[in-house]
Amino acid sequence: MTAPLNAKQQQNKVANQSGRFRGALLGMACGDAVGTTVEFKPRGTFPLVTDMVGGGPFKLKPGEWTDDTSMGLCLATSLVEYGQFDATDQMRRYVKWRDEG
């Protein structure tokens, strides 16, 4: 059986989790921005993408992400604010994003 964490250990654990969450969101946005160039294209039908060049079906500028990231950020913000999934809040955030960007 593992001993309970002391206050400092708990603080470090929370800080580590927070950094991991931020890293996951950053990775999502970066991957989406790189991948938008080949969005909806079957694997193997395009050359290797190694930089943010933009374009794709949405004609985005290099570094811009798609609705996938925007909706993911809506979900993440709601989860942080409510501490759990709240369908009403989630839909409110999606509608606000759709209407206001």
C-alpha atoms as a PDB file:
ATOM      1  CA  MET A   1       0.000   0.000   0.000  1.00  0.00           C
ATOM      2  CA  THR A   2       1.275   3.463  -0.889  1.00  0.00           C
ATOM      3  CA  ALA A   3       1.509   6.200   1.726  1.00  0.00           C
ATOM      4  CA  PRO A   4      -0.653   9.280   1.137  1.00  0.00           C
ATOM      5  CA  LEU A   5       1.041  12.234  -0.526  1.00  0.00           C
ATOM      6  CA  ASN A   6       2.140  15.124   1.639  1.00  0.00           C
ATOM      7  CA  ALA A   7       1.166  18.687   0.684  1.00  0.00           C
ATOM      8  CA  LYS A   8       4.331  19.324  -1.364  1.00  0.00           C
ATOM      9  CA  GLN A   9       3.999  16.033  -3.240  1.00  0.00           C
ATOM     10  CA  GLN A  10       0.349  16.788  -3.977  1.00  0.00           C
ATOM     11  CA  GLN A  11       1.277  20.263  -5.247  1.00  0.00           C
ATOM     12  CA  ASN A  12       3.947  18.765  -7.531  1.00  0.00           C
ATOM     13  CA  LYS A  13       1.478  16.176  -8.821  1.00  0.00           C
ATOM     14  CA  VAL A  14      -1.076  18.869  -9.701  1.00  0.00           C
ATOM     15  CA  ALA A  15       1.598  21.017 -11.394  1.00  0.00           C
ATOM     16  CA  ASN A  16       2.783  18.009 -13.407  1.00  0.00           C
ATOM     17  CA  GLN A  17      -0.765  17.163 -14.506  1.00  0.00           C
ATOM     18  CA  SER A  18      -1.402  20.785 -15.456  1.00  0.00           C
ATOM     19  CA  GLY A  19       1.715  20.825 -17.614  1.00  0.00           C
ATOM     20  CA  ARG A  20       0.706  17.576 -19.278  1.00  0.00           C
ATOM     21  CA  PHE A  21      -2.778  18.925 -20.035  1.00  0.00           C
ATOM     22  CA  ARG A  22      -1.305  22.095 -21.535  1.00  0.00           C
ATOM     23  CA  GLY A  23       1.140  20.025 -23.559  1.00  0.00           C
ATOM     24  CA  ALA A  24      -1.672  17.845 -24.883  1.00  0.00           C
ATOM     25  CA  LEU A  25      -3.671  20.901 -25.970  1.00  0.00           C
ATOM     26  CA  LEU A  26      -0.615  22.481 -27.592  1.00  0.00           C
ATOM     27  CA  GLY A  27       0.149  19.217 -29.389  1.00  0.00           C
ATOM     28  CA  MET A  28      -3.448  19.028 -30.611  1.00  0.00           C
ATOM     29  CA  ALA A  29      -3.297  22.572 -32.017  1.00  0.00           C
ATOM     30  CA  CYS A  30       0.124  22.102 -33.645  1.00  0.00           C
ATOM     31  CA  GLY A  31      -0.782  18.749 -35.167  1.00  0.00           C
ATOM     32  CA  ASP A  32      -4.027  20.178 -36.494  1.00  0.00           C
ATOM     33  CA  ALA A  33      -2.235  23.203 -37.998  1.00  0.00           C
ATOM     34  CA  VAL A  34       0.314  20.950 -39.733  1.00  0.00           C
ATOM     35  CA  GLY A  35      -2.311  18.425 -40.825  1.00  0.00           C
ATOM     36  CA  THR A  36      -4.788  20.904 -42.289  1.00  0.00           C
ATOM     37  CA  THR A  37      -2.636  20.952 -45.436  1.00  0.00           C
ATOM     38  CA  VAL A  38      -3.693  17.378 -46.212  1.00  0.00           C
ATOM     39  CA  GLU A  39      -7.085  17.299 -44.475  1.00  0.00           C
ATOM     40  CA  PHE A  40      -9.406  14.657 -46.000  1.00  0.00           C
ATOM     41  CA  LYS A  41      -6.685  13.244 -48.292  1.00  0.00           C
ATOM     42  CA  PRO A  42      -6.019   9.504 -48.082  1.00  0.00           C
ATOM     43  CA  ARG A  43      -2.673   8.479 -46.611  1.00  0.00           C
ATOM     44  CA  GLY A  44      -0.032   7.982 -49.259  1.00  0.00           C
ATOM     45  CA  THR A  45      -1.582  10.392 -51.779  1.00  0.00           C
ATOM     46  CA  PHE A  46       0.535  13.391 -50.763  1.00  0.00           C
ATOM     47  CA  PRO A  47       4.199  14.113 -50.030  1.00  0.00           C
ATOM     48  CA  LEU A  48       5.491  14.107 -46.466  1.00  0.00           C
ATOM     49  CA  VAL A  49       4.417  17.246 -44.588  1.00  0.00           C
ATOM     50  CA  THR A  50       7.222  18.583 -42.380  1.00  0.00           C
ATOM     51  CA  ASP A  51       6.221  22.197 -41.800  1.00  0.00           C
ATOM     52  CA  MET A  52       3.196  24.406 -41.320  1.00  0.00           C
ATOM     53  CA  VAL A  53       2.428  25.476 -44.856  1.00  0.00           C
ATOM     54  CA  GLY A  54      -1.301  26.127 -44.585  1.00  0.00           C
ATOM     55  CA  GLY A  55      -3.632  25.663 -47.514  1.00  0.00           C
ATOM     56  CA  GLY A  56      -5.717  22.537 -47.635  1.00  0.00           C
ATOM     57  CA  PRO A  57      -9.469  22.504 -48.260  1.00  0.00           C
ATOM     58  CA  PHE A  58      -9.997  25.514 -45.982  1.00  0.00           C
ATOM     59  CA  LYS A  59      -7.142  27.577 -47.479  1.00  0.00           C
ATOM     60  CA  LEU A  60      -5.798  28.368 -44.015  1.00  0.00           C
ATOM     61  CA  LYS A  61      -2.664  30.394 -43.369  1.00  0.00           C
ATOM     62  CA  PRO A  62       0.379  28.574 -41.951  1.00  0.00           C
ATOM     63  CA  GLY A  63      -0.195  27.974 -38.235  1.00  0.00           C
ATOM     64  CA  GLU A  64      -3.988  28.277 -38.335  1.00  0.00           C
ATOM     65  CA  TRP A  65      -5.927  25.344 -36.948  1.00  0.00           C
ATOM     66  CA  THR A  66      -9.286  23.857 -37.905  1.00  0.00           C
ATOM     67  CA  ASP A  67     -12.591  23.421 -36.154  1.00  0.00           C
ATOM     68  CA  ASP A  68     -11.179  20.262 -34.552  1.00  0.00           C
ATOM     69  CA  THR A  69      -8.896  22.314 -32.302  1.00  0.00           C
ATOM     70  CA  SER A  70     -11.472  25.038 -31.714  1.00  0.00           C
ATOM     71  CA  MET A  71     -14.002  22.479 -30.505  1.00  0.00           C
ATOM     72  CA  GLY A  72     -11.350  20.679 -28.446  1.00  0.00           C
ATOM     73  CA  LEU A  73     -10.516  23.952 -26.701  1.00  0.00           C
ATOM     74  CA  CYS A  74     -14.222  24.524 -26.006  1.00  0.00           C
ATOM     75  CA  LEU A  75     -14.395  21.089 -24.386  1.00  0.00           C
ATOM     76  CA  ALA A  76     -11.196  21.561 -22.371  1.00  0.00           C
ATOM     77  CA  THR A  77     -12.317  24.955 -21.069  1.00  0.00           C
ATOM     78  CA  SER A  78     -15.675  23.551 -20.008  1.00  0.00           C
ATOM     79  CA  LEU A  79     -14.080  20.574 -18.250  1.00  0.00           C
ATOM     80  CA  VAL A  80     -11.739  22.869 -16.318  1.00  0.00           C
ATOM     81  CA  GLU A  81     -14.540  25.216 -15.349  1.00  0.00           C
ATOM     82  CA  TYR A  82     -17.039  22.526 -14.296  1.00  0.00           C
ATOM     83  CA  GLY A  83     -14.709  19.712 -13.251  1.00  0.00           C
ATOM     84  CA  GLN A  84     -16.824  17.270 -15.259  1.00  0.00           C
ATOM     85  CA  PHE A  85     -18.691  17.066 -18.551  1.00  0.00           C
ATOM     86  CA  ASP A  86     -21.656  19.438 -18.703  1.00  0.00           C
ATOM     87  CA  ALA A  87     -23.606  18.981 -21.952  1.00  0.00           C
ATOM     88  CA  THR A  88     -25.485  22.268 -21.631  1.00  0.00           C
ATOM     89  CA  ASP A  89     -22.307  24.273 -21.108  1.00  0.00           C
ATOM     90  CA  GLN A  90     -20.597  22.377 -23.906  1.00  0.00           C
ATOM     91  CA  MET A  91     -23.347  23.225 -26.381  1.00  0.00           C
ATOM     92  CA  ARG A  92     -23.330  26.861 -25.236  1.00  0.00           C
ATOM     93  CA  ARG A  93     -19.604  27.059 -25.928  1.00  0.00           C
ATOM     94  CA  TYR A  94     -19.962  25.435 -29.362  1.00  0.00           C
ATOM     95  CA  VAL A  95     -22.727  27.868 -30.319  1.00  0.00           C
ATOM     96  CA  LYS A  96     -20.679  30.834 -29.096  1.00  0.00           C
ATOM     97  CA  TRP A  97     -17.661  29.628 -31.083  1.00  0.00           C
ATOM     98  CA  ARG A  98     -19.817  29.118 -34.194  1.00  0.00           C
ATOM     99  CA  ASP A  99     -21.343  32.590 -33.892  1.00  0.00           C
ATOM    100  CA  GLU A 100     -18.359  34.600 -32.641  1.00  0.00           C
ATOM    101  CA  GLY A 101     -15.285  32.565 -33.502  1.00  0.00           C
END
